[in-house]
Amino acid sequence: MKKTERLVIRPFQNSPTDLAALYAILADKDVNRFLPWWPIQSLAEAQDFYQKRIAPNSESRWYAICLRDDDTPIGYVTIGKGPSRDLGYGLRKAYWSQGITTEAAGAVVTELRAQQLPFITATHDVNNPASGKVMQRLGMQYQYSYKEQWQPKDILVTFRMYQLNLAQTDALVYREYWDKYPNHFIEQF
């Protein structure tokens, strides 16, 4: 468990409270517009999502974002266990534009620095610049963009890939997405 000025960041639990909160987050079509799944439709789907994606044996570590005075999750931060250590996040709409995602993700990044991981990555849809702003506030640097036919939504998306080198400043750029998707380029901002 990590604490910040306003938040508690902790593992998700397979409890009625956490599953109901997860349902509230994942059922909102606006919250999930830029995420790689469709909004869920029921508590049973929230339970299934938990078992497949969040349970301790999943391919990512999921942290619940809770306000300090309430242990009910209002969002999440994820970190992938794969080579990219991809950072992700989502937050209930009522809490947008308050710096909560940056605060929570910053606490997770601090923990990752202590683990001496070489780097983390994150990507965002170019149509979701607010997500890119979170990455920038975390100190992540834009590396490149690529186009992907995104599944399961089956839409063509241009992603921007950001990277934060944790262990050394001269680490190489993570190139899996560059190599995997032939339509890649570097944007000038």
C-alpha atoms as a PDB file:
ATOM      1  CA  MET A   1       0.000   0.000   0.000  1.00  0.00           C
ATOM      2  CA  LYS A   2       1.199   3.490  -0.914  1.00  0.00           C
ATOM      3  CA  LYS A   3      -0.100   6.768   0.490  1.00  0.00           C
ATOM      4  CA  THR A   4       0.051  10.213  -1.037  1.00  0.00           C
ATOM      5  CA  GLU A   5      -1.307  13.514   0.202  1.00  0.00           C
ATOM      6  CA  ARG A   6      -4.850  12.678  -0.966  1.00  0.00           C
ATOM      7  CA  LEU A   7      -4.791   8.996  -1.891  1.00  0.00           C
ATOM      8  CA  VAL A   8      -4.208   5.407  -0.899  1.00  0.00           C
ATOM      9  CA  ILE A   9      -2.941   3.186  -3.702  1.00  0.00           C
ATOM     10  CA  ARG A  10      -3.368  -0.496  -2.907  1.00  0.00           C
ATOM     11  CA  PRO A  11      -3.923  -3.836  -4.630  1.00  0.00           C
ATOM     12  CA  PHE A  12      -7.444  -4.564  -5.806  1.00  0.00           C
ATOM     13  CA  GLN A  13      -9.262  -7.134  -3.695  1.00  0.00           C
ATOM     14  CA  ASN A  14     -11.771  -9.757  -4.736  1.00  0.00           C
ATOM     15  CA  SER A  15     -14.377  -8.217  -2.417  1.00  0.00           C
ATOM     16  CA  PRO A  16     -17.939  -6.996  -2.993  1.00  0.00           C
ATOM     17  CA  THR A  17     -16.858  -3.369  -2.435  1.00  0.00           C
ATOM     18  CA  ASP A  18     -13.948  -3.502  -4.867  1.00  0.00           C
ATOM     19  CA  LEU A  19     -15.939  -5.412  -7.487  1.00  0.00           C
ATOM     20  CA  ALA A  20     -18.806  -2.888  -7.296  1.00  0.00           C
ATOM     21  CA  ALA A  21     -16.293  -0.046  -7.664  1.00  0.00           C
ATOM     22  CA  LEU A  22     -14.588  -1.829 -10.553  1.00  0.00           C
ATOM     23  CA  TYR A  23     -17.979  -2.197 -12.213  1.00  0.00           C
ATOM     24  CA  ALA A  24     -18.640   1.555 -11.793  1.00  0.00           C
ATOM     25  CA  ILE A  25     -15.293   2.357 -13.447  1.00  0.00           C
ATOM     26  CA  LEU A  26     -15.468  -0.184 -16.272  1.00  0.00           C
ATOM     27  CA  ALA A  27     -19.152   0.309 -17.138  1.00  0.00           C
ATOM     28  CA  ASP A  28     -18.773   4.004 -17.997  1.00  0.00           C
ATOM     29  CA  LYS A  29     -18.447   4.376 -21.767  1.00  0.00           C
ATOM     30  CA  ASP A  30     -16.637   7.739 -21.453  1.00  0.00           C
ATOM     31  CA  VAL A  31     -14.056   6.341 -19.034  1.00  0.00           C
ATOM     32  CA  ASN A  32     -13.446   3.362 -21.319  1.00  0.00           C
ATOM     33  CA  ARG A  33     -13.529   5.180 -24.653  1.00  0.00           C
ATOM     34  CA  PHE A  34      -9.754   4.965 -25.094  1.00  0.00           C
ATOM     35  CA  LEU A  35      -9.188   1.663 -23.293  1.00  0.00           C
ATOM     36  CA  PRO A  36      -8.664  -1.750 -24.927  1.00  0.00           C
ATOM     37  CA  TRP A  37     -12.011  -3.257 -23.923  1.00  0.00           C
ATOM     38  CA  TRP A  38     -15.698  -2.532 -24.235  1.00  0.00           C
ATOM     39  CA  PRO A  39     -17.597  -1.166 -21.218  1.00  0.00           C
ATOM     40  CA  ILE A  40     -18.798  -4.014 -19.047  1.00  0.00           C
ATOM     41  CA  GLN A  41     -22.504  -4.612 -18.486  1.00  0.00           C
ATOM     42  CA  SER A  42     -22.822  -6.347 -15.091  1.00  0.00           C
ATOM     43  CA  LEU A  43     -21.230  -7.210 -11.769  1.00  0.00           C
ATOM     44  CA  ALA A  44     -20.673 -10.709 -13.130  1.00  0.00           C
ATOM     45  CA  GLU A  45     -18.564  -9.196 -15.923  1.00  0.00           C
ATOM     46  CA  ALA A  46     -16.646  -7.195 -13.299  1.00  0.00           C
ATOM     47  CA  GLN A  47     -15.898 -10.458 -11.465  1.00  0.00           C
ATOM     48  CA  ASP A  48     -14.780 -12.075 -14.715  1.00  0.00           C
ATOM     49  CA  PHE A  49     -12.611  -9.046 -15.550  1.00  0.00           C
ATOM     50  CA  TYR A  50     -11.036  -9.257 -12.094  1.00  0.00           C
ATOM     51  CA  GLN A  51     -10.264 -12.962 -12.479  1.00  0.00           C
ATOM     52  CA  LYS A  52      -8.784 -12.627 -15.985  1.00  0.00           C
ATOM     53  CA  ARG A  53      -6.928  -9.304 -15.726  1.00  0.00           C
ATOM     54  CA  ILE A  54      -6.439  -8.234 -12.114  1.00  0.00           C
ATOM     55  CA  ALA A  55      -6.011 -11.356  -9.953  1.00  0.00           C
ATOM     56  CA  PRO A  56      -2.426 -11.751  -8.691  1.00  0.00           C
ATOM     57  CA  ASN A  57      -1.498 -14.194 -11.468  1.00  0.00           C
ATOM     58  CA  SER A  58      -2.480 -11.812 -14.277  1.00  0.00           C
ATOM     59  CA  GLU A  59      -0.102 -10.229 -16.795  1.00  0.00           C
ATOM     60  CA  SER A  60      -0.272  -6.836 -15.051  1.00  0.00           C
ATOM     61  CA  ARG A  61      -0.236  -5.495 -11.527  1.00  0.00           C
ATOM     62  CA  TRP A  62      -3.358  -3.490 -10.793  1.00  0.00           C
ATOM     63  CA  TYR A  63      -3.519  -0.888  -8.050  1.00  0.00           C
ATOM     64  CA  ALA A  64      -6.785   0.574  -6.798  1.00  0.00           C
ATOM     65  CA  ILE A  65      -6.820   4.344  -6.390  1.00  0.00           C
ATOM     66  CA  CYS A  66      -8.766   5.273  -3.249  1.00  0.00           C
ATOM     67  CA  LEU A  67      -9.272   8.600  -1.501  1.00  0.00           C
ATOM     68  CA  ARG A  68      -7.549   8.711   1.908  1.00  0.00           C
ATOM     69  CA  ASP A  69     -10.878   8.973   3.751  1.00  0.00           C
ATOM     70  CA  ASP A  70     -12.651   6.246   1.752  1.00  0.00           C
ATOM     71  CA  ASP A  71     -11.307   2.803   0.864  1.00  0.00           C
ATOM     72  CA  THR A  72     -13.582   2.466  -2.191  1.00  0.00           C
ATOM     73  CA  PRO A  73     -11.643   2.457  -5.489  1.00  0.00           C
ATOM     74  CA  ILE A  74     -12.274   5.434  -7.777  1.00  0.00           C
ATOM     75  CA  GLY A  75      -9.762   4.351 -10.398  1.00  0.00           C
ATOM     76  CA  TYR A  76      -6.699   2.250 -11.064  1.00  0.00           C
ATOM     77  CA  VAL A  77      -3.082   2.259 -12.148  1.00  0.00           C
ATOM     78  CA  THR A  78      -1.610  -0.781 -13.899  1.00  0.00           C
ATOM     79  CA  ILE A  79       1.918  -1.810 -14.671  1.00  0.00           C
ATOM     80  CA  GLY A  80       2.556  -4.622 -17.125  1.00  0.00           C
ATOM     81  CA  LYS A  81       4.799  -7.531 -16.207  1.00  0.00           C
ATOM     82  CA  GLY A  82       6.107  -7.861 -19.771  1.00  0.00           C
ATOM     83  CA  PRO A  83       9.312  -6.368 -21.156  1.00  0.00           C
ATOM     84  CA  SER A  84       7.777  -2.921 -21.756  1.00  0.00           C
ATOM     85  CA  ARG A  85       6.441  -2.574 -18.197  1.00  0.00           C
ATOM     86  CA  ASP A  86       3.578  -0.648 -19.784  1.00  0.00           C
ATOM     87  CA  LEU A  87       1.854   1.853 -17.483  1.00  0.00           C
ATOM     88  CA  GLY A  88      -1.902   2.293 -17.708  1.00  0.00           C
ATOM     89  CA  TYR A  89      -4.633   4.047 -15.742  1.00  0.00           C
ATOM     90  CA  GLY A  90      -8.326   4.810 -15.557  1.00  0.00           C
ATOM     91  CA  LEU A  91     -10.402   7.050 -13.310  1.00  0.00           C
ATOM     92  CA  ARG A  92     -14.097   7.623 -12.693  1.00  0.00           C
ATOM     93  CA  LYS A  93     -15.327  10.693 -14.533  1.00  0.00           C
ATOM     94  CA  ALA A  94     -16.303  12.543 -11.327  1.00  0.00           C
ATOM     95  CA  TYR A  95     -12.581  12.730 -10.446  1.00  0.00           C
ATOM     96  CA  TRP A  96     -11.164  13.865 -13.790  1.00  0.00           C
ATOM     97  CA  SER A  97      -9.064  17.049 -14.046  1.00  0.00           C
ATOM     98  CA  GLN A  98      -8.008  17.018 -10.380  1.00  0.00           C
ATOM     99  CA  GLY A  99      -4.489  15.595 -10.752  1.00  0.00           C
ATOM    100  CA  ILE A 100      -5.503  12.313  -9.134  1.00  0.00           C
ATOM    101  CA  THR A 101      -4.224  10.057 -11.910  1.00  0.00           C
ATOM    102  CA  THR A 102      -0.850  11.820 -11.950  1.00  0.00           C
ATOM    103  CA  GLU A 103      -0.595  11.616  -8.155  1.00  0.00           C
ATOM    104  CA  ALA A 104      -1.459   7.902  -8.080  1.00  0.00           C
ATOM    105  CA  ALA A 105       0.713   6.949 -11.052  1.00  0.00           C
ATOM    106  CA  GLY A 106       3.564   8.998  -9.567  1.00  0.00           C
ATOM    107  CA  ALA A 107       3.427   6.880  -6.396  1.00  0.00           C
ATOM    108  CA  VAL A 108       3.590   3.700  -8.484  1.00  0.00           C
ATOM    109  CA  VAL A 109       6.518   5.085 -10.527  1.00  0.00           C
ATOM    110  CA  THR A 110       8.368   5.866  -7.274  1.00  0.00           C
ATOM    111  CA  GLU A 111       7.934   2.224  -6.239  1.00  0.00           C
ATOM    112  CA  LEU A 112       9.184   1.036  -9.633  1.00  0.00           C
ATOM    113  CA  ARG A 113      12.293   3.221  -9.309  1.00  0.00           C
ATOM    114  CA  ALA A 114      13.050   1.517  -5.997  1.00  0.00           C
ATOM    115  CA  GLN A 115      12.803  -1.860  -7.766  1.00  0.00           C
ATOM    116  CA  GLN A 116      15.466  -0.634 -10.188  1.00  0.00           C
ATOM    117  CA  LEU A 117      13.510  -1.445 -13.329  1.00  0.00           C
ATOM    118  CA  PRO A 118      15.329  -0.065 -16.368  1.00  0.00           C
ATOM    119  CA  PHE A 119      12.303   1.779 -17.813  1.00  0.00           C
ATOM    120  CA  ILE A 120       8.530   1.891 -18.203  1.00  0.00           C
ATOM    121  CA  THR A 121       6.465   2.777 -21.246  1.00  0.00           C
ATOM    122  CA  ALA A 122       2.961   4.103 -21.832  1.00  0.00           C
ATOM    123  CA  THR A 123       0.919   4.760 -24.933  1.00  0.00           C
ATOM    124  CA  HIS A 124      -2.062   6.958 -25.614  1.00  0.00           C
ATOM    125  CA  ASP A 125      -4.464   7.492 -28.479  1.00  0.00           C
ATOM    126  CA  VAL A 126      -3.729  10.849 -30.159  1.00  0.00           C
ATOM    127  CA  ASN A 127      -7.408  11.679 -29.626  1.00  0.00           C
ATOM    128  CA  ASN A 128      -6.871  11.446 -25.853  1.00  0.00           C
ATOM    129  CA  PRO A 129      -4.316  14.194 -25.163  1.00  0.00           C
ATOM    130  CA  ALA A 130      -5.215  14.291 -21.446  1.00  0.00           C
ATOM    131  CA  SER A 131      -3.616  10.867 -21.062  1.00  0.00           C
ATOM    132  CA  GLY A 132      -0.477  12.159 -22.759  1.00  0.00           C
ATOM    133  CA  LYS A 133      -0.383  15.078 -20.314  1.00  0.00           C
ATOM    134  CA  VAL A 134      -0.322  12.594 -17.408  1.00  0.00           C
ATOM    135  CA  MET A 135       2.649  10.846 -19.031  1.00  0.00           C
ATOM    136  CA  GLN A 136       4.456  14.153 -19.461  1.00  0.00           C
ATOM    137  CA  ARG A 137       3.788  15.201 -15.839  1.00  0.00           C
ATOM    138  CA  LEU A 138       5.333  11.886 -14.754  1.00  0.00           C
ATOM    139  CA  GLY A 139       8.504  12.835 -16.633  1.00  0.00           C
ATOM    140  CA  MET A 140       7.951  10.415 -19.489  1.00  0.00           C
ATOM    141  CA  GLN A 141       9.418  11.402 -22.848  1.00  0.00           C
ATOM    142  CA  TYR A 142       7.715  11.009 -26.216  1.00  0.00           C
ATOM    143  CA  GLN A 143       9.593   8.506 -28.418  1.00  0.00           C
ATOM    144  CA  TYR A 144       7.464   7.753 -31.493  1.00  0.00           C
ATOM    145  CA  SER A 145       3.970   7.192 -32.863  1.00  0.00           C
ATOM    146  CA  TYR A 146       2.458   4.208 -34.647  1.00  0.00           C
ATOM    147  CA  LYS A 147      -0.845   3.127 -36.175  1.00  0.00           C
ATOM    148  CA  GLU A 148      -2.502  -0.058 -34.994  1.00  0.00           C
ATOM    149  CA  GLN A 149      -5.777  -1.774 -35.896  1.00  0.00           C
ATOM    150  CA  TRP A 150      -6.841  -1.911 -32.273  1.00  0.00           C
ATOM    151  CA  GLN A 151      -8.633  -4.961 -30.957  1.00  0.00           C
ATOM    152  CA  PRO A 152     -11.231  -5.851 -29.836  1.00  0.00           C
ATOM    153  CA  LYS A 153     -12.701  -2.534 -31.006  1.00  0.00           C
ATOM    154  CA  ASP A 154     -11.337  -3.040 -34.542  1.00  0.00           C
ATOM    155  CA  ILE A 155     -10.534   0.621 -35.158  1.00  0.00           C
ATOM    156  CA  LEU A 156      -7.408   2.205 -36.583  1.00  0.00           C
ATOM    157  CA  VAL A 157      -5.698   4.167 -33.808  1.00  0.00           C
ATOM    158  CA  THR A 158      -2.614   6.342 -33.846  1.00  0.00           C
ATOM    159  CA  PHE A 159      -0.755   5.836 -30.585  1.00  0.00           C
ATOM    160  CA  ARG A 160       2.017   7.949 -29.094  1.00  0.00           C
ATOM    161  CA  MET A 161       4.588   5.966 -27.137  1.00  0.00           C
ATOM    162  CA  TYR A 162       6.251   7.542 -24.121  1.00  0.00           C
ATOM    163  CA  GLN A 163       9.092   6.118 -22.047  1.00  0.00           C
ATOM    164  CA  LEU A 164      10.596   6.882 -18.660  1.00  0.00           C
ATOM    165  CA  ASN A 165      14.087   5.555 -18.047  1.00  0.00           C
ATOM    166  CA  LEU A 166      14.306   4.623 -14.381  1.00  0.00           C
ATOM    167  CA  ALA A 167      17.684   2.981 -13.870  1.00  0.00           C
ATOM    168  CA  GLN A 168      19.849   4.938 -16.285  1.00  0.00           C
ATOM    169  CA  THR A 169      19.464   8.019 -18.412  1.00  0.00           C
ATOM    170  CA  ASP A 170      21.037   6.563 -21.545  1.00  0.00           C
ATOM    171  CA  ALA A 171      18.818   3.480 -21.869  1.00  0.00           C
ATOM    172  CA  LEU A 172      17.773   2.494 -25.349  1.00  0.00           C
ATOM    173  CA  VAL A 173      14.294   3.289 -26.632  1.00  0.00           C
ATOM    174  CA  TYR A 174      11.819   0.433 -26.306  1.00  0.00           C
ATOM    175  CA  ARG A 175      11.167  -0.487 -29.945  1.00  0.00           C
ATOM    176  CA  GLU A 176       8.644  -3.346 -29.892  1.00  0.00           C
ATOM    177  CA  TYR A 177       5.773  -1.213 -31.189  1.00  0.00           C
ATOM    178  CA  TRP A 178       8.018   0.476 -33.766  1.00  0.00           C
ATOM    179  CA  ASP A 179       9.158  -2.906 -35.062  1.00  0.00           C
ATOM    180  CA  LYS A 180       5.721  -4.532 -34.874  1.00  0.00           C
ATOM    181  CA  TYR A 181       3.698  -1.848 -36.677  1.00  0.00           C
ATOM    182  CA  PRO A 182       5.073  -0.796 -40.091  1.00  0.00           C
ATOM    183  CA  ASN A 183       3.164   2.492 -40.051  1.00  0.00           C
ATOM    184  CA  HIS A 184       5.331   4.326 -37.508  1.00  0.00           C
ATOM    185  CA  PHE A 185       6.797   7.814 -37.394  1.00  0.00           C
ATOM    186  CA  ILE A 186       8.161  10.533 -35.148  1.00  0.00           C
ATOM    187  CA  GLU A 187       5.937  13.570 -34.685  1.00  0.00           C
ATOM    188  CA  GLN A 188       7.286  17.079 -34.228  1.00  0.00           C
ATOM    189  CA  PHE A 189       5.578  19.048 -31.452  1.00  0.00           C
END
